[in-house]
Amino acid sequence: MAKITYIEHNGTEHSIEVAPGLTVMEGAIRNTIPGIDADCGGACACATCHVYVDPAWFEKTGSREAMEESMLDFADGVTETSRLSCQIKVTEDLDGLIVRMPEHQG
């Protein structure tokens, strides 16, 4: 299990254990973490699971593929550390990961 901390836009923190093999988005949805809508269910067909990966963790989350880059064009407030949480596979190496949610999804 990997402990992931999700931080809402208002600063509220949620630290949960997520099983390896799931995505960061699936961990949020299964634990009813507010701020990640996941309208497409993880198909990388929307931008409603946008997160800001803590800079210390960004490299460990892998690189953005072309489809993710394209979907991020629809997200508000994209930064260098923006990712779609449906595209971040949880591994034990991500134990301690911190992600922040934007004020609005989509």
PDB file of N, CA and C in Angstrom:
ATOM      1  N   MET A   1       0.835  -1.179   0.000  1.00  0.00           N
ATOM      2  CA  MET A   1       0.000   0.000   0.000  1.00  0.00           C
ATOM      3  C   MET A   1       0.879   1.241   0.000  1.00  0.00           C
ATOM      4  N   ALA A   2       0.359   2.270  -0.642  1.00  0.00           N
ATOM      5  CA  ALA A   2       1.058   3.552  -0.678  1.00  0.00           C
ATOM      6  C   ALA A   2       0.173   4.603  -0.019  1.00  0.00           C
ATOM      7  N   LYS A   3       0.741   5.352   0.889  1.00  0.00           N
ATOM      8  CA  LYS A   3       0.001   6.436   1.520  1.00  0.00           C
ATOM      9  C   LYS A   3       0.063   7.645   0.592  1.00  0.00           C
ATOM     10  N   ILE A   4      -1.122   8.150   0.234  1.00  0.00           N
ATOM     11  CA  ILE A   4      -1.216   9.317  -0.629  1.00  0.00           C
ATOM     12  C   ILE A   4      -1.996  10.392   0.109  1.00  0.00           C
ATOM     13  N   THR A   5      -1.487  11.611   0.070  1.00  0.00           N
ATOM     14  CA  THR A   5      -2.174  12.737   0.690  1.00  0.00           C
ATOM     15  C   THR A   5      -2.767  13.601  -0.411  1.00  0.00           C
ATOM     16  N   TYR A   6      -4.079  13.752  -0.355  1.00  0.00           N
ATOM     17  CA  TYR A   6      -4.832  14.595  -1.281  1.00  0.00           C
ATOM     18  C   TYR A   6      -5.167  15.879  -0.524  1.00  0.00           C
ATOM     19  N   ILE A   7      -4.852  17.017  -1.104  1.00  0.00           N
ATOM     20  CA  ILE A   7      -5.118  18.292  -0.441  1.00  0.00           C
ATOM     21  C   ILE A   7      -6.127  19.073  -1.286  1.00  0.00           C
ATOM     22  N   GLU A   8      -7.277  19.328  -0.689  1.00  0.00           N
ATOM     23  CA  GLU A   8      -8.310  20.101  -1.373  1.00  0.00           C
ATOM     24  C   GLU A   8      -7.830  21.536  -1.565  1.00  0.00           C
ATOM     25  N   HIS A   9      -8.496  22.250  -2.453  1.00  0.00           N
ATOM     26  CA  HIS A   9      -8.135  23.638  -2.735  1.00  0.00           C
ATOM     27  C   HIS A   9      -8.178  24.502  -1.467  1.00  0.00           C
ATOM     28  N   ASN A  10      -9.087  24.165  -0.540  1.00  0.00           N
ATOM     29  CA  ASN A  10      -9.214  24.949   0.698  1.00  0.00           C
ATOM     30  C   ASN A  10      -8.201  24.548   1.769  1.00  0.00           C
ATOM     31  N   GLY A  11      -7.334  23.581   1.458  1.00  0.00           N
ATOM     32  CA  GLY A  11      -6.292  23.163   2.393  1.00  0.00           C
ATOM     33  C   GLY A  11      -6.610  21.917   3.199  1.00  0.00           C
ATOM     34  N   THR A  12      -7.830  21.408   3.109  1.00  0.00           N
ATOM     35  CA  THR A  12      -8.199  20.193   3.842  1.00  0.00           C
ATOM     36  C   THR A  12      -7.418  19.005   3.290  1.00  0.00           C
ATOM     37  N   GLU A  13      -6.773  18.260   4.183  1.00  0.00           N
ATOM     38  CA  GLU A  13      -5.952  17.113   3.781  1.00  0.00           C
ATOM     39  C   GLU A  13      -6.671  15.802   4.048  1.00  0.00           C
ATOM     40  N   HIS A  14      -6.463  14.855   3.126  1.00  0.00           N
ATOM     41  CA  HIS A  14      -6.988  13.498   3.261  1.00  0.00           C
ATOM     42  C   HIS A  14      -5.832  12.545   2.955  1.00  0.00           C
ATOM     43  N   SER A  15      -5.380  11.799   3.950  1.00  0.00           N
ATOM     44  CA  SER A  15      -4.310  10.821   3.738  1.00  0.00           C
ATOM     45  C   SER A  15      -4.927   9.437   3.770  1.00  0.00           C
ATOM     46  N   ILE A  16      -4.732   8.709   2.681  1.00  0.00           N
ATOM     47  CA  ILE A  16      -5.319   7.370   2.574  1.00  0.00           C
ATOM     48  C   ILE A  16      -4.285   6.386   2.047  1.00  0.00           C
ATOM     49  N   GLU A  17      -4.563   5.122   2.242  1.00  0.00           N
ATOM     50  CA  GLU A  17      -3.742   4.047   1.698  1.00  0.00           C
ATOM     51  C   GLU A  17      -4.369   3.609   0.377  1.00  0.00           C
ATOM     52  N   VAL A  18      -3.553   3.529  -0.677  1.00  0.00           N
ATOM     53  CA  VAL A  18      -4.030   3.117  -1.986  1.00  0.00           C
ATOM     54  C   VAL A  18      -3.208   1.907  -2.433  1.00  0.00           C
ATOM     55  N   ALA A  19      -3.898   0.897  -2.912  1.00  0.00           N
ATOM     56  CA  ALA A  19      -3.229  -0.332  -3.337  1.00  0.00           C
ATOM     57  C   ALA A  19      -2.442  -0.114  -4.625  1.00  0.00           C
ATOM     58  N   PRO A  20      -1.250  -0.683  -4.706  1.00  0.00           N
ATOM     59  CA  PRO A  20      -0.495  -0.628  -5.957  1.00  0.00           C
ATOM     60  C   PRO A  20      -1.332  -1.233  -7.092  1.00  0.00           C
ATOM     61  N   GLY A  21      -1.204  -0.621  -8.274  1.00  0.00           N
ATOM     62  CA  GLY A  21      -1.964  -1.072  -9.428  1.00  0.00           C
ATOM     63  C   GLY A  21      -3.175  -0.206  -9.709  1.00  0.00           C
ATOM     64  N   LEU A  22      -3.698   0.431  -8.673  1.00  0.00           N
ATOM     65  CA  LEU A  22      -4.784   1.384  -8.880  1.00  0.00           C
ATOM     66  C   LEU A  22      -4.175   2.698  -9.359  1.00  0.00           C
ATOM     67  N   THR A  23      -5.023   3.626  -9.756  1.00  0.00           N
ATOM     68  CA  THR A  23      -4.526   4.961 -10.097  1.00  0.00           C
ATOM     69  C   THR A  23      -4.803   5.896  -8.926  1.00  0.00           C
ATOM     70  N   VAL A  24      -4.154   7.043  -8.947  1.00  0.00           N
ATOM     71  CA  VAL A  24      -4.384   8.056  -7.921  1.00  0.00           C
ATOM     72  C   VAL A  24      -5.857   8.471  -7.947  1.00  0.00           C
ATOM     73  N   MET A  25      -6.447   8.540  -9.132  1.00  0.00           N
ATOM     74  CA  MET A  25      -7.861   8.874  -9.262  1.00  0.00           C
ATOM     75  C   MET A  25      -8.741   7.802  -8.626  1.00  0.00           C
ATOM     76  N   GLU A  26      -8.465   6.544  -8.887  1.00  0.00           N
ATOM     77  CA  GLU A  26      -9.261   5.461  -8.306  1.00  0.00           C
ATOM     78  C   GLU A  26      -9.193   5.476  -6.790  1.00  0.00           C
ATOM     79  N   GLY A  27      -8.027   5.778  -6.248  1.00  0.00           N
ATOM     80  CA  GLY A  27      -7.895   5.888  -4.798  1.00  0.00           C
ATOM     81  C   GLY A  27      -8.800   6.975  -4.248  1.00  0.00           C
ATOM     82  N   ALA A  28      -8.861   8.112  -4.945  1.00  0.00           N
ATOM     83  CA  ALA A  28      -9.711   9.221  -4.499  1.00  0.00           C
ATOM     84  C   ALA A  28     -11.185   8.841  -4.585  1.00  0.00           C
ATOM     85  N   ILE A  29     -11.599   8.258  -5.693  1.00  0.00           N
ATOM     86  CA  ILE A  29     -13.012   7.911  -5.892  1.00  0.00           C
ATOM     87  C   ILE A  29     -13.452   6.847  -4.886  1.00  0.00           C
ATOM     88  N   ARG A  30     -12.636   5.829  -4.687  1.00  0.00           N
ATOM     89  CA  ARG A  30     -12.997   4.750  -3.748  1.00  0.00           C
ATOM     90  C   ARG A  30     -13.072   5.227  -2.306  1.00  0.00           C
ATOM     91  N   ASN A  31     -12.435   6.339  -2.022  1.00  0.00           N
ATOM     92  CA  ASN A  31     -12.419   6.875  -0.656  1.00  0.00           C
ATOM     93  C   ASN A  31     -13.179   8.193  -0.539  1.00  0.00           C
ATOM     94  N   THR A  32     -13.993   8.486  -1.525  1.00  0.00           N
ATOM     95  CA  THR A  32     -14.838   9.690  -1.579  1.00  0.00           C
ATOM     96  C   THR A  32     -14.088  10.974  -1.201  1.00  0.00           C
ATOM     97  N   ILE A  33     -12.921  11.138  -1.811  1.00  0.00           N
ATOM     98  CA  ILE A  33     -12.138  12.353  -1.619  1.00  0.00           C
ATOM     99  C   ILE A  33     -12.762  13.452  -2.480  1.00  0.00           C
ATOM    100  N   PRO A  34     -13.197  14.559  -1.889  1.00  0.00           N
ATOM    101  CA  PRO A  34     -13.780  15.636  -2.692  1.00  0.00           C
ATOM    102  C   PRO A  34     -12.724  16.345  -3.534  1.00  0.00           C
ATOM    103  N   GLY A  35     -13.147  16.827  -4.707  1.00  0.00           N
ATOM    104  CA  GLY A  35     -12.243  17.601  -5.548  1.00  0.00           C
ATOM    105  C   GLY A  35     -11.777  16.880  -6.790  1.00  0.00           C
ATOM    106  N   ILE A  36     -12.029  15.574  -6.869  1.00  0.00           N
ATOM    107  CA  ILE A  36     -11.718  14.807  -8.077  1.00  0.00           C
ATOM    108  C   ILE A  36     -13.041  14.237  -8.566  1.00  0.00           C
ATOM    109  N   ASP A  37     -13.498  14.727  -9.721  1.00  0.00           N
ATOM    110  CA  ASP A  37     -14.802  14.317 -10.241  1.00  0.00           C
ATOM    111  C   ASP A  37     -14.738  13.031 -11.059  1.00  0.00           C
ATOM    112  N   ALA A  38     -13.724  12.889 -11.895  1.00  0.00           N
ATOM    113  CA  ALA A  38     -13.525  11.688 -12.715  1.00  0.00           C
ATOM    114  C   ALA A  38     -14.744  11.352 -13.561  1.00  0.00           C
ATOM    115  N   ASP A  39     -15.242  12.342 -14.298  1.00  0.00           N
ATOM    116  CA  ASP A  39     -16.442  12.157 -15.112  1.00  0.00           C
ATOM    117  C   ASP A  39     -16.325  11.025 -16.130  1.00  0.00           C
ATOM    118  N   CYS A  40     -15.145  10.791 -16.686  1.00  0.00           N
ATOM    119  CA  CYS A  40     -14.988   9.743 -17.708  1.00  0.00           C
ATOM    120  C   CYS A  40     -14.616   8.396 -17.106  1.00  0.00           C
ATOM    121  N   GLY A  41     -14.483   8.325 -15.794  1.00  0.00           N
ATOM    122  CA  GLY A  41     -14.176   7.055 -15.141  1.00  0.00           C
ATOM    123  C   GLY A  41     -12.746   6.584 -15.298  1.00  0.00           C
ATOM    124  N   GLY A  42     -11.871   7.447 -15.739  1.00  0.00           N
ATOM    125  CA  GLY A  42     -10.458   7.081 -15.838  1.00  0.00           C
ATOM    126  C   GLY A  42     -10.004   6.749 -17.240  1.00  0.00           C
ATOM    127  N   ALA A  43     -10.782   7.114 -18.243  1.00  0.00           N
ATOM    128  CA  ALA A  43     -10.450   6.800 -19.637  1.00  0.00           C
ATOM    129  C   ALA A  43      -9.580   7.858 -20.309  1.00  0.00           C
ATOM    130  N   CYS A  44      -9.127   8.844 -19.566  1.00  0.00           N
ATOM    131  CA  CYS A  44      -8.326   9.950 -20.103  1.00  0.00           C
ATOM    132  C   CYS A  44      -9.094  10.658 -21.214  1.00  0.00           C
ATOM    133  N   ALA A  45     -10.398  10.855 -20.967  1.00  0.00           N
ATOM    134  CA  ALA A  45     -11.262  11.492 -21.960  1.00  0.00           C
ATOM    135  C   ALA A  45     -11.896  12.775 -21.430  1.00  0.00           C
ATOM    136  N   CYS A  46     -11.416  13.251 -20.296  1.00  0.00           N
ATOM    137  CA  CYS A  46     -11.884  14.512 -19.744  1.00  0.00           C
ATOM    138  C   CYS A  46     -10.729  15.078 -18.918  1.00  0.00           C
ATOM    139  N   ALA A  47     -10.962  16.129 -18.220  1.00  0.00           N
ATOM    140  CA  ALA A  47      -9.900  16.710 -17.387  1.00  0.00           C
ATOM    141  C   ALA A  47     -10.425  16.952 -15.982  1.00  0.00           C
ATOM    142  N   THR A  48     -11.332  16.090 -15.519  1.00  0.00           N
ATOM    143  CA  THR A  48     -11.963  16.323 -14.224  1.00  0.00           C
ATOM    144  C   THR A  48     -11.298  15.559 -13.081  1.00  0.00           C
ATOM    145  N   CYS A  49     -10.093  15.087 -13.328  1.00  0.00           N
ATOM    146  CA  CYS A  49      -9.303  14.478 -12.247  1.00  0.00           C
ATOM    147  C   CYS A  49      -7.936  15.159 -12.167  1.00  0.00           C
ATOM    148  N   HIS A  50      -7.899  16.399 -12.633  1.00  0.00           N
ATOM    149  CA  HIS A  50      -6.675  17.207 -12.644  1.00  0.00           C
ATOM    150  C   HIS A  50      -6.149  17.396 -11.225  1.00  0.00           C
ATOM    151  N   VAL A  51      -4.858  17.178 -11.047  1.00  0.00           N
ATOM    152  CA  VAL A  51      -4.196  17.436  -9.768  1.00  0.00           C
ATOM    153  C   VAL A  51      -2.867  18.132 -10.028  1.00  0.00           C
ATOM    154  N   TYR A  52      -2.372  18.779  -8.983  1.00  0.00           N
ATOM    155  CA  TYR A  52      -1.020  19.336  -8.989  1.00  0.00           C
ATOM    156  C   TYR A  52      -0.168  18.408  -8.131  1.00  0.00           C
ATOM    157  N   VAL A  53       0.793  17.772  -8.753  1.00  0.00           N
ATOM    158  CA  VAL A  53       1.683  16.873  -8.023  1.00  0.00           C
ATOM    159  C   VAL A  53       2.720  17.715  -7.289  1.00  0.00           C
ATOM    160  N   ASP A  54       2.935  17.398  -6.025  1.00  0.00           N
ATOM    161  CA  ASP A  54       3.970  18.089  -5.265  1.00  0.00           C
ATOM    162  C   ASP A  54       5.284  18.006  -6.049  1.00  0.00           C
ATOM    163  N   PRO A  55       5.992  19.128  -6.218  1.00  0.00           N
ATOM    164  CA  PRO A  55       7.211  19.127  -7.035  1.00  0.00           C
ATOM    165  C   PRO A  55       8.223  18.048  -6.655  1.00  0.00           C
ATOM    166  N   ALA A  56       8.331  17.723  -5.383  1.00  0.00           N
ATOM    167  CA  ALA A  56       9.281  16.695  -4.953  1.00  0.00           C
ATOM    168  C   ALA A  56       8.910  15.310  -5.492  1.00  0.00           C
ATOM    169  N   TRP A  57       7.675  15.125  -5.892  1.00  0.00           N
ATOM    170  CA  TRP A  57       7.182  13.827  -6.359  1.00  0.00           C
ATOM    171  C   TRP A  57       6.956  13.774  -7.866  1.00  0.00           C
ATOM    172  N   PHE A  58       7.020  14.898  -8.533  1.00  0.00           N
ATOM    173  CA  PHE A  58       6.607  14.953  -9.935  1.00  0.00           C
ATOM    174  C   PHE A  58       7.343  13.944 -10.814  1.00  0.00           C
ATOM    175  N   GLU A  59       8.643  13.875 -10.721  1.00  0.00           N
ATOM    176  CA  GLU A  59       9.421  12.948 -11.567  1.00  0.00           C
ATOM    177  C   GLU A  59       9.036  11.494 -11.322  1.00  0.00           C
ATOM    178  N   LYS A  60       8.684  11.160 -10.096  1.00  0.00           N
ATOM    179  CA  LYS A  60       8.343   9.773  -9.752  1.00  0.00           C
ATOM    180  C   LYS A  60       7.001   9.330 -10.317  1.00  0.00           C
ATOM    181  N   THR A  61       6.169  10.297 -10.757  1.00  0.00           N
ATOM    182  CA  THR A  61       4.853   9.933 -11.281  1.00  0.00           C
ATOM    183  C   THR A  61       4.895   9.558 -12.758  1.00  0.00           C
ATOM    184  N   GLY A  62       6.056   9.650 -13.386  1.00  0.00           N
ATOM    185  CA  GLY A  62       6.167   9.316 -14.803  1.00  0.00           C
ATOM    186  C   GLY A  62       5.934  10.535 -15.670  1.00  0.00           C
ATOM    187  N   SER A  63       5.949  10.304 -16.965  1.00  0.00           N
ATOM    188  CA  SER A  63       5.785  11.424 -17.894  1.00  0.00           C
ATOM    189  C   SER A  63       4.366  11.444 -18.454  1.00  0.00           C
ATOM    190  N   ARG A  64       3.969  12.607 -18.889  1.00  0.00           N
ATOM    191  CA  ARG A  64       2.655  12.769 -19.515  1.00  0.00           C
ATOM    192  C   ARG A  64       2.716  12.245 -20.946  1.00  0.00           C
ATOM    193  N   GLU A  65       1.767  11.402 -21.293  1.00  0.00           N
ATOM    194  CA  GLU A  65       1.649  10.925 -22.667  1.00  0.00           C
ATOM    195  C   GLU A  65       0.869  11.955 -23.484  1.00  0.00           C
ATOM    196  N   ALA A  66       0.850  11.808 -24.793  1.00  0.00           N
ATOM    197  CA  ALA A  66       0.206  12.775 -25.690  1.00  0.00           C
ATOM    198  C   ALA A  66      -1.274  12.965 -25.364  1.00  0.00           C
ATOM    199  N   MET A  67      -1.985  11.888 -25.069  1.00  0.00           N
ATOM    200  CA  MET A  67      -3.417  11.989 -24.768  1.00  0.00           C
ATOM    201  C   MET A  67      -3.646  12.819 -23.511  1.00  0.00           C
ATOM    202  N   GLU A  68      -2.831  12.587 -22.491  1.00  0.00           N
ATOM    203  CA  GLU A  68      -2.953  13.364 -21.256  1.00  0.00           C
ATOM    204  C   GLU A  68      -2.659  14.839 -21.519  1.00  0.00           C
ATOM    205  N   GLU A  69      -1.617  15.116 -22.276  1.00  0.00           N
ATOM    206  CA  GLU A  69      -1.285  16.506 -22.631  1.00  0.00           C
ATOM    207  C   GLU A  69      -2.472  17.164 -23.319  1.00  0.00           C
ATOM    208  N   SER A  70      -3.095  16.434 -24.219  1.00  0.00           N
ATOM    209  CA  SER A  70      -4.244  16.962 -24.952  1.00  0.00           C
ATOM    210  C   SER A  70      -5.416  17.257 -24.020  1.00  0.00           C
ATOM    211  N   MET A  71      -5.687  16.366 -23.086  1.00  0.00           N
ATOM    212  CA  MET A  71      -6.795  16.569 -22.146  1.00  0.00           C
ATOM    213  C   MET A  71      -6.511  17.710 -21.181  1.00  0.00           C
ATOM    214  N   LEU A  72      -5.255  17.909 -20.819  1.00  0.00           N
ATOM    215  CA  LEU A  72      -4.916  19.008 -19.915  1.00  0.00           C
ATOM    216  C   LEU A  72      -5.207  20.371 -20.544  1.00  0.00           C
ATOM    217  N   ASP A  73      -5.322  20.410 -21.878  1.00  0.00           N
ATOM    218  CA  ASP A  73      -5.708  21.655 -22.543  1.00  0.00           C
ATOM    219  C   ASP A  73      -7.093  22.115 -22.108  1.00  0.00           C
ATOM    220  N   PHE A  74      -7.921  21.193 -21.606  1.00  0.00           N
ATOM    221  CA  PHE A  74      -9.275  21.519 -21.169  1.00  0.00           C
ATOM    222  C   PHE A  74      -9.362  21.843 -19.678  1.00  0.00           C
ATOM    223  N   ALA A  75      -8.256  21.702 -18.974  1.00  0.00           N
ATOM    224  CA  ALA A  75      -8.234  21.954 -17.529  1.00  0.00           C
ATOM    225  C   ALA A  75      -7.926  23.415 -17.238  1.00  0.00           C
ATOM    226  N   ASP A  76      -8.442  23.893 -16.131  1.00  0.00           N
ATOM    227  CA  ASP A  76      -8.154  25.254 -15.678  1.00  0.00           C
ATOM    228  C   ASP A  76      -6.877  25.263 -14.850  1.00  0.00           C
ATOM    229  N   GLY A  77      -6.081  26.304 -14.993  1.00  0.00           N
ATOM    230  CA  GLY A  77      -4.937  26.513 -14.114  1.00  0.00           C
ATOM    231  C   GLY A  77      -3.828  25.492 -14.236  1.00  0.00           C
ATOM    232  N   VAL A  78      -3.552  25.011 -15.435  1.00  0.00           N
ATOM    233  CA  VAL A  78      -2.504  24.002 -15.638  1.00  0.00           C
ATOM    234  C   VAL A  78      -1.140  24.599 -15.327  1.00  0.00           C
ATOM    235  N   THR A  79      -0.320  23.819 -14.624  1.00  0.00           N
ATOM    236  CA  THR A  79       1.045  24.230 -14.275  1.00  0.00           C
ATOM    237  C   THR A  79       2.025  23.150 -14.721  1.00  0.00           C
ATOM    238  N   GLU A  80       3.286  23.369 -14.463  1.00  0.00           N
ATOM    239  CA  GLU A  80       4.318  22.379 -14.815  1.00  0.00           C
ATOM    240  C   GLU A  80       4.109  21.049 -14.114  1.00  0.00           C
ATOM    241  N   THR A  81       3.486  21.068 -12.945  1.00  0.00           N
ATOM    242  CA  THR A  81       3.305  19.822 -12.198  1.00  0.00           C
ATOM    243  C   THR A  81       1.882  19.271 -12.306  1.00  0.00           C
ATOM    244  N   SER A  82       1.116  19.768 -13.269  1.00  0.00           N
ATOM    245  CA  SER A  82      -0.245  19.256 -13.480  1.00  0.00           C
ATOM    246  C   SER A  82      -0.205  17.855 -14.081  1.00  0.00           C
ATOM    247  N   ARG A  83      -1.088  17.012 -13.573  1.00  0.00           N
ATOM    248  CA  ARG A  83      -1.280  15.670 -14.122  1.00  0.00           C
ATOM    249  C   ARG A  83      -2.758  15.338 -14.033  1.00  0.00           C
ATOM    250  N   LEU A  84      -3.182  14.381 -14.839  1.00  0.00           N
ATOM    251  CA  LEU A  84      -4.499  13.782 -14.670  1.00  0.00           C
ATOM    252  C   LEU A  84      -4.283  12.588 -13.756  1.00  0.00           C
ATOM    253  N   SER A  85      -4.983  12.567 -12.647  1.00  0.00           N
ATOM    254  CA  SER A  85      -4.730  11.521 -11.651  1.00  0.00           C
ATOM    255  C   SER A  85      -5.097  10.132 -12.150  1.00  0.00           C
ATOM    256  N   CYS A  86      -5.910  10.041 -13.203  1.00  0.00           N
ATOM    257  CA  CYS A  86      -6.238   8.738 -13.783  1.00  0.00           C
ATOM    258  C   CYS A  86      -5.045   8.143 -14.521  1.00  0.00           C
ATOM    259  N   GLN A  87      -4.046   8.950 -14.789  1.00  0.00           N
ATOM    260  CA  GLN A  87      -2.881   8.492 -15.531  1.00  0.00           C
ATOM    261  C   GLN A  87      -1.674   8.221 -14.642  1.00  0.00           C
ATOM    262  N   ILE A  88      -1.841   8.340 -13.336  1.00  0.00           N
ATOM    263  CA  ILE A  88      -0.744   8.055 -12.401  1.00  0.00           C
ATOM    264  C   ILE A  88      -1.028   6.722 -11.729  1.00  0.00           C
ATOM    265  N   LYS A  89      -0.284   5.689 -12.132  1.00  0.00           N
ATOM    266  CA  LYS A  89      -0.415   4.369 -11.528  1.00  0.00           C
ATOM    267  C   LYS A  89       0.292   4.358 -10.180  1.00  0.00           C
ATOM    268  N   VAL A  90      -0.384   3.857  -9.188  1.00  0.00           N
ATOM    269  CA  VAL A  90       0.189   3.785  -7.844  1.00  0.00           C
ATOM    270  C   VAL A  90       1.147   2.607  -7.770  1.00  0.00           C
ATOM    271  N   THR A  91       2.333   2.867  -7.258  1.00  0.00           N
ATOM    272  CA  THR A  91       3.322   1.832  -6.953  1.00  0.00           C
ATOM    273  C   THR A  91       3.797   2.085  -5.529  1.00  0.00           C
ATOM    274  N   GLU A  92       4.513   1.146  -4.977  1.00  0.00           N
ATOM    275  CA  GLU A  92       5.049   1.345  -3.630  1.00  0.00           C
ATOM    276  C   GLU A  92       6.046   2.508  -3.608  1.00  0.00           C
ATOM    277  N   ASP A  93       6.638   2.824  -4.754  1.00  0.00           N
ATOM    278  CA  ASP A  93       7.554   3.964  -4.844  1.00  0.00           C
ATOM    279  C   ASP A  93       6.845   5.292  -4.629  1.00  0.00           C
ATOM    280  N   LEU A  94       5.511   5.311  -4.741  1.00  0.00           N
ATOM    281  CA  LEU A  94       4.750   6.546  -4.541  1.00  0.00           C
ATOM    282  C   LEU A  94       4.239   6.682  -3.107  1.00  0.00           C
ATOM    283  N   ASP A  95       4.724   5.836  -2.203  1.00  0.00           N
ATOM    284  CA  ASP A  95       4.340   5.952  -0.802  1.00  0.00           C
ATOM    285  C   ASP A  95       4.786   7.307  -0.268  1.00  0.00           C
ATOM    286  N   GLY A  96       3.824   8.140   0.128  1.00  0.00           N
ATOM    287  CA  GLY A  96       4.108   9.486   0.601  1.00  0.00           C
ATOM    288  C   GLY A  96       3.729  10.573  -0.400  1.00  0.00           C
ATOM    289  N   LEU A  97       3.241  10.172  -1.576  1.00  0.00           N
ATOM    290  CA  LEU A  97       2.857  11.126  -2.624  1.00  0.00           C
ATOM    291  C   LEU A  97       1.882  12.172  -2.096  1.00  0.00           C
ATOM    292  N   ILE A  98       2.072  13.408  -2.546  1.00  0.00           N
ATOM    293  CA  ILE A  98       1.181  14.517  -2.190  1.00  0.00           C
ATOM    294  C   ILE A  98       0.666  15.137  -3.474  1.00  0.00           C
ATOM    295  N   VAL A  99      -0.668  15.234  -3.582  1.00  0.00           N
ATOM    296  CA  VAL A  99      -1.289  15.914  -4.715  1.00  0.00           C
ATOM    297  C   VAL A  99      -2.267  16.952  -4.187  1.00  0.00           C
ATOM    298  N   ARG A 100      -2.388  18.034  -4.920  1.00  0.00           N
ATOM    299  CA  ARG A 100      -3.320  19.103  -4.591  1.00  0.00           C
ATOM    300  C   ARG A 100      -4.361  19.236  -5.687  1.00  0.00           C
ATOM    301  N   MET A 101      -5.587  19.548  -5.303  1.00  0.00           N
ATOM    302  CA  MET A 101      -6.640  19.703  -6.281  1.00  0.00           C
ATOM    303  C   MET A 101      -6.820  21.189  -6.619  1.00  0.00           C
ATOM    304  N   PRO A 102      -7.166  21.469  -7.880  1.00  0.00           N
ATOM    305  CA  PRO A 102      -7.442  22.852  -8.253  1.00  0.00           C
ATOM    306  C   PRO A 102      -8.770  23.305  -7.671  1.00  0.00           C
ATOM    307  N   GLU A 103      -9.040  24.595  -7.769  1.00  0.00           N
ATOM    308  CA  GLU A 103     -10.286  25.133  -7.251  1.00  0.00           C
ATOM    309  C   GLU A 103     -11.497  24.562  -8.006  1.00  0.00           C
ATOM    310  N   HIS A 104     -11.333  24.373  -9.329  1.00  0.00           N
ATOM    311  CA  HIS A 104     -12.425  23.849 -10.152  1.00  0.00           C
ATOM    312  C   HIS A 104     -11.880  22.757 -11.063  1.00  0.00           C
ATOM    313  N   GLN A 105     -12.689  21.745 -11.359  1.00  0.00           N
ATOM    314  CA  GLN A 105     -12.324  20.697 -12.306  1.00  0.00           C
ATOM    315  C   GLN A 105     -13.001  20.970 -13.638  1.00  0.00           C
ATOM    316  N   GLY A 106     -12.362  20.515 -14.702  1.00  0.00           N
ATOM    317  CA  GLY A 106     -12.968  20.587 -16.013  1.00  0.00           C
ATOM    318  C   GLY A 106     -12.506  21.747 -16.755  1.00  0.00           C
TER     319      GLY A 106
END
